[in-house]
Amino acid sequence: ETAVDSMRSLRDIDAQNYTAARMHQNVTILFTDIVGFTAMSQSCSPYEVMQFLHVLFSEFDRLVDLDSRLWKVETIGDAFMLAAGLDDDDDDDDDGEDEKKAMIDSARRDAEKAS
């Protein structure tokens, strides 16, 4: 399905007063915010700030790519948002704790390097 088809589908749903939202029983949302980012960005060169964000979010992306149950929602400035549990496949009882911990540990290491 192309983006145009998706938009047409959404218009059709809207015209019929249906909602496109779906219920998910076990969803986790991870929203990151870098503590001290504003101060860091004011004391570093723009290149250093962008390099820091690139390394950090590239690592996040790599970790998300390792687990098909994770879905990157958005990256805006120094914020990263992802969702887990949106799939309908409940065959695996692992709730992704290892991946979440790895992502948090990676963020901490990168923040320590930057300070």
N, C-alpha and C. Protein backbone atom coordinates (compact mmCIF):
# COMPACT_ATOMS: atom_id res chain seq x y z
N GLU A 1 0.85 -1.18 0.00
CA GLU A 1 0.00 0.00 0.00
C GLU A 1 0.89 1.24 0.00
N THR A 2 0.63 2.15 -0.90
CA THR A 2 1.43 3.38 -0.99
C THR A 2 0.91 4.41 0.01
N ALA A 3 1.70 5.45 0.19
CA ALA A 3 1.29 6.53 1.09
C ALA A 3 0.01 7.19 0.60
N VAL A 4 -0.12 7.31 -0.71
CA VAL A 4 -1.35 7.91 -1.28
C VAL A 4 -2.55 7.03 -0.96
N ASP A 5 -2.39 5.70 -1.11
CA ASP A 5 -3.48 4.79 -0.77
C ASP A 5 -3.85 4.90 0.70
N SER A 6 -2.84 5.02 1.55
CA SER A 6 -3.09 5.15 2.99
C SER A 6 -3.88 6.41 3.28
N MET A 7 -3.49 7.52 2.63
CA MET A 7 -4.21 8.77 2.84
C MET A 7 -5.65 8.66 2.37
N ARG A 8 -5.86 8.00 1.23
CA ARG A 8 -7.23 7.81 0.74
C ARG A 8 -8.03 6.97 1.72
N SER A 9 -7.40 5.93 2.26
CA SER A 9 -8.08 5.08 3.23
C SER A 9 -8.47 5.88 4.46
N LEU A 10 -7.56 6.73 4.93
CA LEU A 10 -7.86 7.55 6.10
C LEU A 10 -8.99 8.53 5.82
N ARG A 11 -9.01 9.10 4.61
CA ARG A 11 -10.11 10.00 4.24
C ARG A 11 -11.43 9.25 4.22
N ASP A 12 -11.42 8.04 3.67
CA ASP A 12 -12.64 7.23 3.63
C ASP A 12 -13.12 6.92 5.04
N ILE A 13 -12.20 6.57 5.92
CA ILE A 13 -12.56 6.28 7.32
C ILE A 13 -13.15 7.52 7.96
N ASP A 14 -12.51 8.67 7.75
CA ASP A 14 -12.98 9.92 8.33
C ASP A 14 -14.36 10.28 7.80
N ALA A 15 -14.58 10.09 6.52
CA ALA A 15 -15.87 10.42 5.92
C ALA A 15 -17.00 9.56 6.48
N GLN A 16 -16.68 8.36 6.92
CA GLN A 16 -17.69 7.45 7.47
C GLN A 16 -17.80 7.57 8.98
N ASN A 17 -17.08 8.53 9.57
CA ASN A 17 -17.08 8.75 11.02
C ASN A 17 -16.60 7.53 11.81
N TYR A 18 -15.64 6.81 11.24
CA TYR A 18 -15.00 5.71 11.95
C TYR A 18 -13.67 6.19 12.50
N THR A 19 -13.22 5.55 13.51
CA THR A 19 -11.89 5.86 14.04
C THR A 19 -10.89 4.83 13.52
N ALA A 20 -9.69 5.30 13.21
CA ALA A 20 -8.64 4.41 12.73
C ALA A 20 -7.81 3.85 13.88
N ALA A 21 -8.10 4.26 15.09
CA ALA A 21 -7.35 3.80 16.25
C ALA A 21 -7.67 2.35 16.56
N ARG A 22 -6.68 1.64 17.09
CA ARG A 22 -6.87 0.25 17.50
C ARG A 22 -6.46 0.10 18.95
N MET A 23 -7.11 -0.78 19.65
CA MET A 23 -6.79 -1.07 21.05
C MET A 23 -5.64 -2.06 21.11
N HIS A 24 -4.68 -1.78 21.97
CA HIS A 24 -3.55 -2.68 22.22
C HIS A 24 -3.47 -2.90 23.73
N GLN A 25 -3.40 -4.14 24.13
CA GLN A 25 -3.45 -4.49 25.54
C GLN A 25 -2.17 -4.20 26.31
N ASN A 26 -1.03 -4.46 25.71
CA ASN A 26 0.25 -4.39 26.43
C ASN A 26 1.24 -3.53 25.67
N VAL A 27 1.12 -2.23 25.80
CA VAL A 27 1.99 -1.31 25.08
C VAL A 27 2.86 -0.57 26.08
N THR A 28 4.12 -0.42 25.72
CA THR A 28 5.05 0.38 26.50
C THR A 28 5.54 1.51 25.60
N ILE A 29 5.56 2.73 26.13
CA ILE A 29 6.09 3.87 25.41
C ILE A 29 7.33 4.34 26.15
N LEU A 30 8.43 4.48 25.42
CA LEU A 30 9.66 5.00 25.99
C LEU A 30 9.88 6.38 25.40
N PHE A 31 10.01 7.37 26.26
CA PHE A 31 10.27 8.73 25.82
C PHE A 31 11.52 9.20 26.53
N THR A 32 12.55 9.54 25.76
CA THR A 32 13.80 9.99 26.38
C THR A 32 13.92 11.50 26.30
N ASP A 33 14.59 12.05 27.27
CA ASP A 33 14.92 13.46 27.28
C ASP A 33 16.30 13.55 27.93
N ILE A 34 17.24 14.18 27.28
CA ILE A 34 18.61 14.23 27.78
C ILE A 34 18.72 15.31 28.84
N VAL A 35 19.02 14.89 30.06
CA VAL A 35 19.19 15.81 31.17
C VAL A 35 20.42 16.68 30.89
N GLY A 36 20.26 17.98 31.01
CA GLY A 36 21.36 18.90 30.80
C GLY A 36 21.67 19.20 29.34
N PHE A 37 20.79 18.80 28.43
CA PHE A 37 21.07 18.99 27.01
C PHE A 37 21.16 20.46 26.64
N THR A 38 20.28 21.29 27.16
CA THR A 38 20.30 22.71 26.80
C THR A 38 21.62 23.34 27.22
N ALA A 39 22.06 23.06 28.45
CA ALA A 39 23.34 23.60 28.92
C ALA A 39 24.49 23.07 28.07
N MET A 40 24.46 21.76 27.76
CA MET A 40 25.51 21.17 26.95
C MET A 40 25.55 21.83 25.57
N SER A 41 24.39 22.02 24.97
CA SER A 41 24.35 22.57 23.61
C SER A 41 24.82 24.03 23.58
N GLN A 42 24.72 24.72 24.70
CA GLN A 42 25.19 26.11 24.75
C GLN A 42 26.69 26.19 24.97
N SER A 43 27.27 25.12 25.54
CA SER A 43 28.70 25.15 25.83
C SER A 43 29.54 24.40 24.79
N CYS A 44 28.90 23.73 23.85
CA CYS A 44 29.60 22.96 22.82
C CYS A 44 29.36 23.60 21.45
N SER A 45 30.22 23.24 20.52
CA SER A 45 30.02 23.72 19.16
C SER A 45 28.82 23.00 18.54
N PRO A 46 28.19 23.60 17.54
CA PRO A 46 27.08 22.92 16.87
C PRO A 46 27.48 21.54 16.34
N TYR A 47 28.69 21.43 15.83
CA TYR A 47 29.16 20.13 15.33
C TYR A 47 29.18 19.09 16.44
N GLU A 48 29.69 19.48 17.62
CA GLU A 48 29.76 18.53 18.74
C GLU A 48 28.37 18.10 19.18
N VAL A 49 27.43 19.04 19.21
CA VAL A 49 26.05 18.71 19.60
C VAL A 49 25.45 17.73 18.60
N MET A 50 25.60 18.03 17.32
CA MET A 50 25.03 17.15 16.30
C MET A 50 25.71 15.78 16.29
N GLN A 51 27.01 15.75 16.50
CA GLN A 51 27.73 14.48 16.55
C GLN A 51 27.24 13.65 17.74
N PHE A 52 27.06 14.28 18.89
CA PHE A 52 26.56 13.59 20.08
C PHE A 52 25.19 12.98 19.80
N LEU A 53 24.27 13.79 19.23
CA LEU A 53 22.92 13.28 18.94
C LEU A 53 22.97 12.18 17.89
N HIS A 54 23.82 12.34 16.89
CA HIS A 54 23.93 11.32 15.86
C HIS A 54 24.38 9.98 16.44
N VAL A 55 25.42 10.01 17.26
CA VAL A 55 25.93 8.77 17.86
C VAL A 55 24.88 8.14 18.78
N LEU A 56 24.27 8.96 19.60
CA LEU A 56 23.27 8.46 20.55
C LEU A 56 22.07 7.85 19.83
N PHE A 57 21.49 8.58 18.90
CA PHE A 57 20.29 8.10 18.23
C PHE A 57 20.58 6.99 17.22
N SER A 58 21.78 6.97 16.68
CA SER A 58 22.16 5.84 15.82
C SER A 58 22.22 4.55 16.64
N GLU A 59 22.71 4.65 17.86
CA GLU A 59 22.74 3.48 18.74
C GLU A 59 21.32 3.06 19.12
N PHE A 60 20.47 4.02 19.42
CA PHE A 60 19.07 3.71 19.70
C PHE A 60 18.43 3.00 18.50
N ASP A 61 18.65 3.55 17.31
CA ASP A 61 18.10 2.94 16.09
C ASP A 61 18.60 1.52 15.92
N ARG A 62 19.89 1.30 16.19
CA ARG A 62 20.47 -0.04 16.06
C ARG A 62 19.78 -1.01 17.02
N LEU A 63 19.56 -0.58 18.25
CA LEU A 63 18.90 -1.44 19.22
C LEU A 63 17.44 -1.71 18.83
N VAL A 64 16.76 -0.70 18.32
CA VAL A 64 15.37 -0.88 17.87
C VAL A 64 15.33 -1.89 16.73
N ASP A 65 16.28 -1.79 15.82
CA ASP A 65 16.33 -2.70 14.67
C ASP A 65 16.56 -4.15 15.07
N LEU A 66 17.14 -4.37 16.24
CA LEU A 66 17.41 -5.73 16.71
C LEU A 66 16.15 -6.45 17.18
N ASP A 67 15.11 -5.72 17.48
CA ASP A 67 13.90 -6.31 18.05
C ASP A 67 12.68 -5.88 17.25
N SER A 68 12.06 -6.82 16.57
CA SER A 68 10.91 -6.50 15.72
C SER A 68 9.70 -6.03 16.52
N ARG A 69 9.73 -6.19 17.83
CA ARG A 69 8.61 -5.74 18.66
C ARG A 69 8.70 -4.27 19.01
N LEU A 70 9.84 -3.64 18.68
CA LEU A 70 10.02 -2.22 18.97
C LEU A 70 9.75 -1.40 17.71
N TRP A 71 9.13 -0.25 17.89
CA TRP A 71 8.81 0.62 16.78
C TRP A 71 9.21 2.05 17.14
N LYS A 72 10.11 2.62 16.34
CA LYS A 72 10.53 4.00 16.55
C LYS A 72 9.39 4.92 16.14
N VAL A 73 8.95 5.74 17.07
CA VAL A 73 7.85 6.65 16.79
C VAL A 73 8.38 7.97 16.24
N GLU A 74 9.35 8.56 16.93
CA GLU A 74 9.79 9.89 16.55
C GLU A 74 11.12 10.24 17.19
N THR A 75 11.89 11.07 16.51
CA THR A 75 13.07 11.72 17.07
C THR A 75 12.90 13.20 16.81
N ILE A 76 12.88 13.99 17.87
CA ILE A 76 12.74 15.44 17.74
C ILE A 76 13.76 16.08 18.66
N GLY A 77 14.70 16.80 18.08
CA GLY A 77 15.73 17.45 18.89
C GLY A 77 16.49 16.43 19.71
N ASP A 78 16.43 16.56 21.03
CA ASP A 78 17.13 15.62 21.90
C ASP A 78 16.18 14.56 22.46
N ALA A 79 15.00 14.45 21.91
CA ALA A 79 14.01 13.48 22.39
C ALA A 79 13.89 12.31 21.42
N PHE A 80 13.71 11.13 21.98
CA PHE A 80 13.54 9.90 21.20
C PHE A 80 12.34 9.18 21.78
N MET A 81 11.45 8.73 20.92
CA MET A 81 10.24 8.05 21.39
C MET A 81 10.07 6.74 20.65
N LEU A 82 9.80 5.68 21.40
CA LEU A 82 9.53 4.40 20.76
C LEU A 82 8.41 3.70 21.49
N ALA A 83 7.83 2.74 20.79
CA ALA A 83 6.72 1.95 21.35
C ALA A 83 7.06 0.47 21.23
N ALA A 84 6.57 -0.29 22.18
CA ALA A 84 6.70 -1.74 22.16
C ALA A 84 5.34 -2.33 22.49
N GLY A 85 5.06 -3.49 21.94
CA GLY A 85 3.81 -4.16 22.23
C GLY A 85 2.68 -3.82 21.28
N LEU A 86 3.00 -3.21 20.16
CA LEU A 86 1.96 -2.86 19.20
C LEU A 86 1.59 -4.00 18.28
N ASP A 87 2.43 -5.02 18.24
CA ASP A 87 2.11 -6.16 17.37
C ASP A 87 1.03 -7.02 18.02
N ASP A 88 0.37 -7.79 17.22
CA ASP A 88 -0.70 -8.65 17.72
C ASP A 88 -0.20 -10.04 18.08
N ASP A 89 1.09 -10.29 17.93
CA ASP A 89 1.68 -11.60 18.17
C ASP A 89 2.09 -11.71 19.63
N ASP A 90 1.33 -12.44 20.43
CA ASP A 90 1.61 -12.60 21.84
C ASP A 90 2.25 -13.94 22.15
N ASP A 91 2.88 -14.58 21.14
CA ASP A 91 3.47 -15.89 21.35
C ASP A 91 4.69 -15.85 22.25
N ASP A 92 5.37 -14.72 22.31
CA ASP A 92 6.61 -14.61 23.07
C ASP A 92 6.30 -13.95 24.41
N ASP A 93 6.65 -14.60 25.49
CA ASP A 93 6.36 -14.06 26.82
C ASP A 93 7.40 -13.04 27.27
N ASP A 94 8.53 -12.91 26.56
CA ASP A 94 9.57 -11.94 26.90
C ASP A 94 9.02 -10.55 26.65
N ASP A 95 9.08 -9.69 27.66
CA ASP A 95 8.50 -8.35 27.51
C ASP A 95 9.51 -7.32 27.03
N GLY A 96 10.69 -7.76 26.57
CA GLY A 96 11.66 -6.83 26.02
C GLY A 96 12.47 -6.09 27.07
N GLU A 97 12.48 -6.57 28.30
CA GLU A 97 13.22 -5.89 29.36
C GLU A 97 14.70 -5.76 29.03
N ASP A 98 15.32 -6.78 28.44
CA ASP A 98 16.75 -6.71 28.11
C ASP A 98 17.02 -5.58 27.13
N GLU A 99 16.17 -5.45 26.11
CA GLU A 99 16.35 -4.39 25.13
C GLU A 99 16.16 -3.02 25.75
N LYS A 100 15.18 -2.89 26.63
CA LYS A 100 14.95 -1.60 27.29
C LYS A 100 16.15 -1.22 28.15
N LYS A 101 16.66 -2.18 28.91
CA LYS A 101 17.83 -1.91 29.76
C LYS A 101 19.05 -1.56 28.92
N ALA A 102 19.25 -2.26 27.82
CA ALA A 102 20.39 -1.96 26.94
C ALA A 102 20.29 -0.55 26.38
N MET A 103 19.09 -0.14 26.03
CA MET A 103 18.90 1.20 25.48
C MET A 103 19.18 2.26 26.54
N ILE A 104 18.70 2.04 27.74
CA ILE A 104 18.93 2.99 28.83
C ILE A 104 20.41 3.05 29.19
N ASP A 105 21.07 1.88 29.26
CA ASP A 105 22.50 1.84 29.55
C ASP A 105 23.30 2.57 28.49
N SER A 106 22.94 2.39 27.24
CA SER A 106 23.63 3.05 26.14
C SER A 106 23.48 4.58 26.26
N ALA A 107 22.29 5.04 26.59
CA ALA A 107 22.05 6.47 26.75
C ALA A 107 22.88 7.03 27.90
N ARG A 108 22.96 6.29 28.98
CA ARG A 108 23.76 6.75 30.13
C ARG A 108 25.24 6.85 29.77
N ARG A 109 25.75 5.83 29.07
CA ARG A 109 27.17 5.85 28.68
C ARG A 109 27.45 7.06 27.78
N ASP A 110 26.57 7.31 26.81
CA ASP A 110 26.79 8.43 25.92
C ASP A 110 26.69 9.76 26.65
N ALA A 111 25.78 9.86 27.60
CA ALA A 111 25.66 11.10 28.38
C ALA A 111 26.90 11.33 29.23
N GLU A 112 27.46 10.24 29.79
CA GLU A 112 28.68 10.37 30.59
C GLU A 112 29.86 10.80 29.72
N LYS A 113 29.93 10.30 28.50
CA LYS A 113 31.02 10.68 27.58
C LYS A 113 30.93 12.17 27.25
N ALA A 114 29.70 12.67 27.12
CA ALA A 114 29.50 14.06 26.71
C ALA A 114 29.78 15.05 27.83
N SER A 115 29.72 14.58 29.07
CA SER A 115 29.90 15.53 30.18
C SER A 115 31.33 15.64 30.62
